[in-house]
PDB file of N, CA and C in Angstrom:
ATOM      1  N   MET A   1     -10.667 -53.174-143.916  1.00  0.00           N
ATOM      2  CA  MET A   1      -9.956 -51.956-144.350  1.00  0.00           C
ATOM      3  C   MET A   1     -10.529 -51.514-145.659  1.00  0.00           C
ATOM      4  N   HIS A   2     -10.828 -50.269-145.779  1.00  0.00           N
ATOM      5  CA  HIS A   2     -11.383 -49.668-146.987  1.00  0.00           C
ATOM      6  C   HIS A   2     -10.352 -48.760-147.577  1.00  0.00           C
ATOM      7  N   MET A   3      -9.980 -49.008-148.864  1.00  0.00           N
ATOM      8  CA  MET A   3      -8.947 -48.252-149.498  1.00  0.00           C
ATOM      9  C   MET A   3      -9.488 -47.611-150.771  1.00  0.00           C
ATOM     10  N   THR A   4      -9.214 -46.344-150.910  1.00  0.00           N
ATOM     11  CA  THR A   4      -9.609 -45.666-152.122  1.00  0.00           C
ATOM     12  C   THR A   4      -8.410 -45.055-152.793  1.00  0.00           C
ATOM     13  N   THR A   5      -8.518 -44.879-154.091  1.00  0.00           N
ATOM     14  CA  THR A   5      -7.381 -44.185-154.792  1.00  0.00           C
ATOM     15  C   THR A   5      -8.032 -43.016-155.511  1.00  0.00           C
ATOM     16  N   ALA A   6      -7.295 -41.906-155.551  1.00  0.00           N
ATOM     17  CA  ALA A   6      -7.754 -40.725-156.246  1.00  0.00           C
ATOM     18  C   ALA A   6      -7.533 -40.843-157.756  1.00  0.00           C
ATOM     19  N   THR A   7      -8.383 -40.213-158.480  1.00  0.00           N
ATOM     20  CA  THR A   7      -8.167 -40.143-159.930  1.00  0.00           C
ATOM     21  C   THR A   7      -7.029 -39.166-160.229  1.00  0.00           C
ATOM     22  N   ASP A   8      -6.084 -39.610-161.000  1.00  0.00           N
ATOM     23  CA  ASP A   8      -4.949 -38.749-161.318  1.00  0.00           C
ATOM     24  C   ASP A   8      -5.316 -37.877-162.527  1.00  0.00           C
ATOM     25  N   THR A   9      -5.885 -36.729-162.236  1.00  0.00           N
ATOM     26  CA  THR A   9      -6.349 -35.840-163.305  1.00  0.00           C
ATOM     27  C   THR A   9      -5.198 -35.243-164.099  1.00  0.00           C
ATOM     28  N   LEU A  10      -4.044 -35.058-163.402  1.00  0.00           N
ATOM     29  CA  LEU A  10      -2.876 -34.531-164.111  1.00  0.00           C
ATOM     30  C   LEU A  10      -2.400 -35.518-165.194  1.00  0.00           C
ATOM     31  N   GLN A  11      -2.362 -36.812-164.872  1.00  0.00           N
ATOM     32  CA  GLN A  11      -1.955 -37.817-165.852  1.00  0.00           C
ATOM     33  C   GLN A  11      -2.971 -37.840-167.011  1.00  0.00           C
ATOM     34  N   ILE A  12      -4.246 -37.726-166.665  1.00  0.00           N
ATOM     35  CA  ILE A  12      -5.300 -37.753-167.743  1.00  0.00           C
ATOM     36  C   ILE A  12      -5.087 -36.559-168.675  1.00  0.00           C
ATOM     37  N   ALA A  13      -4.904 -35.374-168.056  1.00  0.00           N
ATOM     38  CA  ALA A  13      -4.711 -34.167-168.892  1.00  0.00           C
ATOM     39  C   ALA A  13      -3.445 -34.294-169.779  1.00  0.00           C
ATOM     40  N   LYS A  14      -2.372 -34.821-169.171  1.00  0.00           N
ATOM     41  CA  LYS A  14      -1.128 -35.015-169.959  1.00  0.00           C
ATOM     42  C   LYS A  14      -1.355 -35.943-171.101  1.00  0.00           C
ATOM     43  N   HIS A  15      -2.072 -37.045-170.878  1.00  0.00           N
ATOM     44  CA  HIS A  15      -2.325 -38.026-171.924  1.00  0.00           C
ATOM     45  C   HIS A  15      -3.205 -37.404-173.052  1.00  0.00           C
ATOM     46  N   LEU A  16      -4.233 -36.627-172.626  1.00  0.00           N
ATOM     47  CA  LEU A  16      -5.098 -36.006-173.636  1.00  0.00           C
ATOM     48  C   LEU A  16      -4.318 -34.992-174.472  1.00  0.00           C
ATOM     49  N   LYS A  17      -3.328 -34.327-173.851  1.00  0.00           N
ATOM     50  CA  LYS A  17      -2.518 -33.372-174.637  1.00  0.00           C
ATOM     51  C   LYS A  17      -1.668 -34.086-175.673  1.00  0.00           C
ATOM     52  N   THR A  18      -1.252 -35.349-175.349  1.00  0.00           N
ATOM     53  CA  THR A  18      -0.501 -36.091-176.366  1.00  0.00           C
ATOM     54  C   THR A  18      -1.392 -36.526-177.524  1.00  0.00           C
ATOM     55  N   LEU A  19      -2.686 -36.472-177.312  1.00  0.00           N
ATOM     56  CA  LEU A  19      -3.634 -36.786-178.357  1.00  0.00           C
ATOM     57  C   LEU A  19      -4.163 -35.527-179.068  1.00  0.00           C
ATOM     58  N   ASN A  20      -3.395 -34.473-178.913  1.00  0.00           N
ATOM     59  CA  ASN A  20      -3.637 -33.152-179.558  1.00  0.00           C
ATOM     60  C   ASN A  20      -4.858 -32.405-179.027  1.00  0.00           C
ATOM     61  N   PHE A  21      -5.244 -32.695-177.791  1.00  0.00           N
ATOM     62  CA  PHE A  21      -6.231 -31.857-177.121  1.00  0.00           C
ATOM     63  C   PHE A  21      -5.524 -30.562-176.737  1.00  0.00           C
ATOM     64  N   THR A  22      -6.258 -29.449-176.723  1.00  0.00           N
ATOM     65  CA  THR A  22      -5.690 -28.217-176.221  1.00  0.00           C
ATOM     66  C   THR A  22      -5.577 -28.332-174.703  1.00  0.00           C
ATOM     67  N   ASP A  23      -4.768 -27.430-174.111  1.00  0.00           N
ATOM     68  CA  ASP A  23      -4.655 -27.465-172.654  1.00  0.00           C
ATOM     69  C   ASP A  23      -6.005 -27.326-172.011  1.00  0.00           C
ATOM     70  N   GLN A  24      -6.815 -26.379-172.524  1.00  0.00           N
ATOM     71  CA  GLN A  24      -8.145 -26.130-171.907  1.00  0.00           C
ATOM     72  C   GLN A  24      -9.045 -27.369-172.089  1.00  0.00           C
ATOM     73  N   GLN A  25      -9.021 -27.993-173.259  1.00  0.00           N
ATOM     74  CA  GLN A  25      -9.834 -29.188-173.450  1.00  0.00           C
ATOM     75  C   GLN A  25      -9.395 -30.323-172.557  1.00  0.00           C
ATOM     76  N   ALA A  26      -8.104 -30.554-172.484  1.00  0.00           N
ATOM     77  CA  ALA A  26      -7.569 -31.657-171.703  1.00  0.00           C
ATOM     78  C   ALA A  26      -7.875 -31.479-170.206  1.00  0.00           C
ATOM     79  N   GLU A  27      -7.657 -30.223-169.719  1.00  0.00           N
ATOM     80  CA  GLU A  27      -7.922 -30.000-168.301  1.00  0.00           C
ATOM     81  C   GLU A  27      -9.391 -30.024-167.982  1.00  0.00           C
ATOM     82  N   GLY A  28     -10.217 -29.545-168.903  1.00  0.00           N
ATOM     83  CA  GLY A  28     -11.691 -29.578-168.702  1.00  0.00           C
ATOM     84  C   GLY A  28     -12.185 -31.003-168.677  1.00  0.00           C
ATOM     85  N   LEU A  29     -11.776 -31.843-169.568  1.00  0.00           N
ATOM     86  CA  LEU A  29     -12.183 -33.239-169.589  1.00  0.00           C
ATOM     87  C   LEU A  29     -11.668 -33.966-168.381  1.00  0.00           C
ATOM     88  N   ALA A  30     -10.450 -33.700-167.976  1.00  0.00           N
ATOM     89  CA  ALA A  30      -9.873 -34.371-166.808  1.00  0.00           C
ATOM     90  C   ALA A  30     -10.705 -33.964-165.548  1.00  0.00           C
ATOM     91  N   GLU A  31     -11.156 -32.725-165.472  1.00  0.00           N
ATOM     92  CA  GLU A  31     -11.990 -32.283-164.336  1.00  0.00           C
ATOM     93  C   GLU A  31     -13.331 -32.969-164.357  1.00  0.00           C
ATOM     94  N   VAL A  32     -13.925 -33.142-165.545  1.00  0.00           N
ATOM     95  CA  VAL A  32     -15.175 -33.924-165.690  1.00  0.00           C
ATOM     96  C   VAL A  32     -14.996 -35.318-165.153  1.00  0.00           C
ATOM     97  N   VAL A  33     -13.922 -35.970-165.573  1.00  0.00           N
ATOM     98  CA  VAL A  33     -13.600 -37.336-165.089  1.00  0.00           C
ATOM     99  C   VAL A  33     -13.477 -37.357-163.599  1.00  0.00           C
ATOM    100  N   ARG A  34     -12.788 -36.378-163.008  1.00  0.00           N
ATOM    101  CA  ARG A  34     -12.571 -36.303-161.575  1.00  0.00           C
ATOM    102  C   ARG A  34     -13.933 -36.201-160.857  1.00  0.00           C
ATOM    103  N   ARG A  35     -14.795 -35.345-161.352  1.00  0.00           N
ATOM    104  CA  ARG A  35     -16.099 -35.126-160.716  1.00  0.00           C
ATOM    105  C   ARG A  35     -16.994 -36.390-160.828  1.00  0.00           C
ATOM    106  N   LEU A  36     -16.934 -37.055-161.957  1.00  0.00           N
ATOM    107  CA  LEU A  36     -17.714 -38.286-162.119  1.00  0.00           C
ATOM    108  C   LEU A  36     -17.178 -39.391-161.170  1.00  0.00           C
ATOM    109  N   ASP A  37     -15.873 -39.451-161.069  1.00  0.00           N
ATOM    110  CA  ASP A  37     -15.269 -40.415-160.152  1.00  0.00           C
ATOM    111  C   ASP A  37     -15.642 -40.131-158.703  1.00  0.00           C
ATOM    112  N   ALA A  38     -15.618 -38.835-158.317  1.00  0.00           N
ATOM    113  CA  ALA A  38     -16.016 -38.474-156.935  1.00  0.00           C
ATOM    114  C   ALA A  38     -17.469 -38.810-156.726  1.00  0.00           C
ATOM    115  N   ALA A  39     -18.364 -38.562-157.681  1.00  0.00           N
ATOM    116  CA  ALA A  39     -19.764 -38.844-157.503  1.00  0.00           C
ATOM    117  C   ALA A  39     -19.973 -40.367-157.377  1.00  0.00           C
ATOM    118  N   ASN A  40     -19.276 -41.140-158.193  1.00  0.00           N
ATOM    119  CA  ASN A  40     -19.389 -42.586-158.125  1.00  0.00           C
ATOM    120  C   ASN A  40     -18.903 -43.119-156.769  1.00  0.00           C
ATOM    121  N   ARG A  41     -17.858 -42.551-156.241  1.00  0.00           N
ATOM    122  CA  ARG A  41     -17.291 -43.008-154.938  1.00  0.00           C
ATOM    123  C   ARG A  41     -18.301 -42.762-153.836  1.00  0.00           C
ATOM    124  N   GLU A  42     -19.078 -41.679-153.940  1.00  0.00           N
ATOM    125  CA  GLU A  42     -20.028 -41.362-152.874  1.00  0.00           C
ATOM    126  C   GLU A  42     -21.131 -42.441-152.815  1.00  0.00           C
ATOM    127  N   GLU A  43     -21.357 -43.121-153.917  1.00  0.00           N
ATOM    128  CA  GLU A  43     -22.423 -44.109-153.962  1.00  0.00           C
ATOM    129  C   GLU A  43     -21.936 -45.555-153.743  1.00  0.00           C
ATOM    130  N   LEU A  44     -20.632 -45.714-153.545  1.00  0.00           N
ATOM    131  CA  LEU A  44     -20.104 -47.018-153.305  1.00  0.00           C
ATOM    132  C   LEU A  44     -20.582 -47.589-151.991  1.00  0.00           C
ATOM    133  N   VAL A  45     -20.858 -48.895-151.965  1.00  0.00           N
ATOM    134  CA  VAL A  45     -21.240 -49.551-150.731  1.00  0.00           C
ATOM    135  C   VAL A  45     -20.004 -50.342-150.245  1.00  0.00           C
ATOM    136  N   THR A  46     -19.597 -50.085-148.994  1.00  0.00           N
ATOM    137  CA  THR A  46     -18.471 -50.802-148.481  1.00  0.00           C
ATOM    138  C   THR A  46     -18.897 -52.196-148.022  1.00  0.00           C
ATOM    139  N   LYS A  47     -17.936 -53.062-147.878  1.00  0.00           N
ATOM    140  CA  LYS A  47     -18.234 -54.411-147.377  1.00  0.00           C
ATOM    141  C   LYS A  47     -18.808 -54.359-145.976  1.00  0.00           C
ATOM    142  N   GLU A  48     -18.262 -53.422-145.158  1.00  0.00           N
ATOM    143  CA  GLU A  48     -18.771 -53.283-143.779  1.00  0.00           C
ATOM    144  C   GLU A  48     -20.241 -52.920-143.782  1.00  0.00           C
ATOM    145  N   PHE A  49     -20.621 -51.921-144.629  1.00  0.00           N
ATOM    146  CA  PHE A  49     -21.994 -51.496-144.690  1.00  0.00           C
ATOM    147  C   PHE A  49     -22.875 -52.605-145.174  1.00  0.00           C
ATOM    148  N   PHE A  50     -22.417 -53.289-146.189  1.00  0.00           N
ATOM    149  CA  PHE A  50     -23.227 -54.395-146.764  1.00  0.00           C
ATOM    150  C   PHE A  50     -23.422 -55.478-145.709  1.00  0.00           C
ATOM    151  N   ARG A  51     -22.341 -55.840-144.982  1.00  0.00           N
ATOM    152  CA  ARG A  51     -22.442 -56.869-143.963  1.00  0.00           C
ATOM    153  C   ARG A  51     -23.427 -56.456-142.867  1.00  0.00           C
ATOM    154  N   ALA A  52     -23.353 -55.179-142.440  1.00  0.00           N
ATOM    155  CA  ALA A  52     -24.227 -54.688-141.380  1.00  0.00           C
ATOM    156  C   ALA A  52     -25.680 -54.711-141.878  1.00  0.00           C
ATOM    157  N   GLU A  53     -25.934 -54.318-143.121  1.00  0.00           N
ATOM    158  CA  GLU A  53     -27.279 -54.358-143.669  1.00  0.00           C
ATOM    159  C   GLU A  53     -27.753 -55.797-143.741  1.00  0.00           C
ATOM    160  N   LEU A  54     -26.883 -56.664-144.251  1.00  0.00           N
ATOM    161  CA  LEU A  54     -27.245 -58.086-144.403  1.00  0.00           C
ATOM    162  C   LEU A  54     -27.573 -58.721-143.023  1.00  0.00           C
ATOM    163  N   ARG A  55     -26.764 -58.416-142.004  1.00  0.00           N
ATOM    164  CA  ARG A  55     -27.042 -58.892-140.675  1.00  0.00           C
ATOM    165  C   ARG A  55     -28.426 -58.445-140.186  1.00  0.00           C
ATOM    166  N   GLY A  56     -28.728 -57.180-140.418  1.00  0.00           N
ATOM    167  CA  GLY A  56     -30.034 -56.597-140.041  1.00  0.00           C
ATOM    168  C   GLY A  56     -31.150 -57.329-140.711  1.00  0.00           C
ATOM    169  N   GLU A  57     -31.024 -57.546-142.024  1.00  0.00           N
ATOM    170  CA  GLU A  57     -32.055 -58.221-142.767  1.00  0.00           C
ATOM    171  C   GLU A  57     -32.218 -59.670-142.275  1.00  0.00           C
ATOM    172  N   LEU A  58     -31.115 -60.345-142.060  1.00  0.00           N
ATOM    173  CA  LEU A  58     -31.194 -61.735-141.569  1.00  0.00           C
ATOM    174  C   LEU A  58     -31.845 -61.794-140.204  1.00  0.00           C
ATOM    175  N   ARG A  59     -31.551 -60.845-139.332  1.00  0.00           N
ATOM    176  CA  ARG A  59     -32.163 -60.769-138.015  1.00  0.00           C
ATOM    177  C   ARG A  59     -33.642 -60.616-138.135  1.00  0.00           C
ATOM    178  N   GLN A  60     -34.071 -59.716-139.034  1.00  0.00           N
ATOM    179  CA  GLN A  60     -35.558 -59.517-139.235  1.00  0.00           C
ATOM    180  C   GLN A  60     -36.173 -60.761-139.754  1.00  0.00           C
ATOM    181  N   LEU A  61     -35.546 -61.472-140.724  1.00  0.00           N
ATOM    182  CA  LEU A  61     -36.098 -62.707-141.259  1.00  0.00           C
ATOM    183  C   LEU A  61     -36.168 -63.770-140.169  1.00  0.00           C
ATOM    184  N   GLU A  62     -35.165 -63.861-139.321  1.00  0.00           N
ATOM    185  CA  GLU A  62     -35.158 -64.835-138.283  1.00  0.00           C
ATOM    186  C   GLU A  62     -36.279 -64.579-137.304  1.00  0.00           C
ATOM    187  N   ASN A  63     -36.540 -63.296-136.962  1.00  0.00           N
ATOM    188  CA  ASN A  63     -37.620 -62.952-136.057  1.00  0.00           C
ATOM    189  C   ASN A  63     -38.991 -63.322-136.639  1.00  0.00           C
ATOM    190  N   ARG A  64     -39.158 -63.003-137.937  1.00  0.00           N
ATOM    191  CA  ARG A  64     -40.444 -63.320-138.577  1.00  0.00           C
ATOM    192  C   ARG A  64     -40.641 -64.844-138.653  1.00  0.00           C
ATOM    193  N   LEU A  65     -39.565 -65.597-138.888  1.00  0.00           N
ATOM    194  CA  LEU A  65     -39.687 -67.029-138.967  1.00  0.00           C
ATOM    195  C   LEU A  65     -40.023 -67.599-137.608  1.00  0.00           C
ATOM    196  N   ILE A  66     -39.410 -67.094-136.539  1.00  0.00           N
ATOM    197  CA  ILE A  66     -39.763 -67.577-135.194  1.00  0.00           C
ATOM    198  C   ILE A  66     -41.208 -67.288-134.856  1.00  0.00           C
ATOM    199  N   ILE A  67     -41.692 -66.080-135.194  1.00  0.00           N
ATOM    200  CA  ILE A  67     -43.078 -65.721-134.929  1.00  0.00           C
ATOM    201  C   ILE A  67     -44.017 -66.696-135.728  1.00  0.00           C
ATOM    202  N   TRP A  68     -43.699 -66.902-136.953  1.00  0.00           N
ATOM    203  CA  TRP A  68     -44.525 -67.795-137.801  1.00  0.00           C
ATOM    204  C   TRP A  68     -44.499 -69.209-137.194  1.00  0.00           C
ATOM    205  N   MET A  69     -43.350 -69.708-136.742  1.00  0.00           N
ATOM    206  CA  MET A  69     -43.310 -71.080-136.198  1.00  0.00           C
ATOM    207  C   MET A  69     -44.079 -71.181-134.873  1.00  0.00           C
ATOM    208  N   VAL A  70     -43.966 -70.187-134.021  1.00  0.00           N
ATOM    209  CA  VAL A  70     -44.734 -70.151-132.769  1.00  0.00           C
ATOM    210  C   VAL A  70     -46.232 -70.149-133.085  1.00  0.00           C
ATOM    211  N   GLY A  71     -46.637 -69.377-134.004  1.00  0.00           N
ATOM    212  CA  GLY A  71     -48.032 -69.345-134.430  1.00  0.00           C
ATOM    213  C   GLY A  71     -48.490 -70.676-134.934  1.00  0.00           C
ATOM    214  N   LEU A  72     -47.646 -71.350-135.706  1.00  0.00           N
ATOM    215  CA  LEU A  72     -48.006 -72.659-136.279  1.00  0.00           C
ATOM    216  C   LEU A  72     -48.103 -73.720-135.160  1.00  0.00           C
ATOM    217  N   VAL A  73     -47.197 -73.656-134.176  1.00  0.00           N
ATOM    218  CA  VAL A  73     -47.241 -74.598-133.077  1.00  0.00           C
ATOM    219  C   VAL A  73     -48.528 -74.430-132.253  1.00  0.00           C
ATOM    220  N   ILE A  74     -48.874 -73.131-132.032  1.00  0.00           N
ATOM    221  CA  ILE A  74     -50.111 -72.877-131.263  1.00  0.00           C
ATOM    222  C   ILE A  74     -51.331 -73.352-132.038  1.00  0.00           C
ATOM    223  N   ALA A  75     -51.348 -73.092-133.347  1.00  0.00           N
ATOM    224  CA  ALA A  75     -52.477 -73.538-134.173  1.00  0.00           C
ATOM    225  C   ALA A  75     -52.573 -75.071-134.200  1.00  0.00           C
ATOM    226  N   LEU A  76     -51.440 -75.770-134.318  1.00  0.00           N
ATOM    227  CA  LEU A  76     -51.439 -77.182-134.298  1.00  0.00           C
ATOM    228  C   LEU A  76     -51.893 -77.750-132.950  1.00  0.00           C
ATOM    229  N   GLY A  77     -51.434 -77.089-131.891  1.00  0.00           N
ATOM    230  CA  GLY A  77     -51.860 -77.497-130.541  1.00  0.00           C
ATOM    231  C   GLY A  77     -53.368 -77.355-130.337  1.00  0.00           C
ATOM    232  N   GLY A  78     -53.898 -76.250-130.842  1.00  0.00           N
ATOM    233  CA  GLY A  78     -55.342 -76.030-130.793  1.00  0.00           C
ATOM    234  C   GLY A  78     -56.093 -77.077-131.627  1.00  0.00           C
ATOM    235  N   LEU A  79     -55.578 -77.399-132.772  1.00  0.00           N
ATOM    236  CA  LEU A  79     -56.196 -78.401-133.597  1.00  0.00           C
ATOM    237  C   LEU A  79     -56.153 -79.763-132.942  1.00  0.00           C
ATOM    238  N   LEU A  80     -55.036 -80.134-132.300  1.00  0.00           N
ATOM    239  CA  LEU A  80     -54.944 -81.399-131.599  1.00  0.00           C
ATOM    240  C   LEU A  80     -55.929 -81.436-130.420  1.00  0.00           C
ATOM    241  N   ILE A  81     -56.044 -80.376-129.683  1.00  0.00           N
ATOM    242  CA  ILE A  81     -56.963 -80.342-128.542  1.00  0.00           C
ATOM    243  C   ILE A  81     -58.394 -80.455-129.055  1.00  0.00           C
ATOM    244  N   ALA A  82     -58.745 -79.746-130.136  1.00  0.00           N
ATOM    245  CA  ALA A  82     -60.043 -79.789-130.734  1.00  0.00           C
ATOM    246  C   ALA A  82     -60.400 -81.200-131.193  1.00  0.00           C
ATOM    247  N   THR A  83     -59.502 -81.899-131.766  1.00  0.00           N
ATOM    248  CA  THR A  83     -59.783 -83.264-132.300  1.00  0.00           C
ATOM    249  C   THR A  83     -59.965 -84.228-131.119  1.00  0.00           C
ATOM    250  N   ARG A  84     -59.264 -84.019-130.008  1.00  0.00           N
ATOM    251  CA  ARG A  84     -59.419 -84.849-128.812  1.00  0.00           C
ATOM    252  C   ARG A  84     -60.784 -84.608-128.170  1.00  0.00           C
ATOM    253  N   LEU A  85     -61.218 -83.345-128.147  1.00  0.00           N
ATOM    254  CA  LEU A  85     -62.504 -83.052-127.540  1.00  0.00           C
ATOM    255  C   LEU A  85     -63.689 -83.580-128.367  1.00  0.00           C
ATOM    256  N   ILE A  86     -63.546 -83.590-129.688  1.00  0.00           N
ATOM    257  CA  ILE A  86     -64.596 -84.105-130.570  1.00  0.00           C
ATOM    258  C   ILE A  86     -64.657 -85.607-130.484  1.00  0.00           C
ATOM    259  N   ALA A  87     -63.547 -86.299-130.381  1.00  0.00           N
ATOM    260  CA  ALA A  87     -63.510 -87.790-130.446  1.00  0.00           C
ATOM    261  C   ALA A  87     -63.908 -88.416-129.190  1.00  0.00           C
TER     262      ALA A  87
END
């Protein structure tokens, strides 16, 4: 389950006004915070996405390892046959 919470720009603006920001300053800064928050949320990686990516990467590594091991077995088999033929 993926849960997000929205930035409460109204609360931000109200707090800034208590710090003697003008209405325009407080609302402008709250909007900037909201936009930054929205931009950051777009770049978040969910657990599901990470797990899917990780599974894909592990599958690729497993395939490469199997190919490497098969090649090694074939090479060792060839070496064993070659040493038998020479001896």
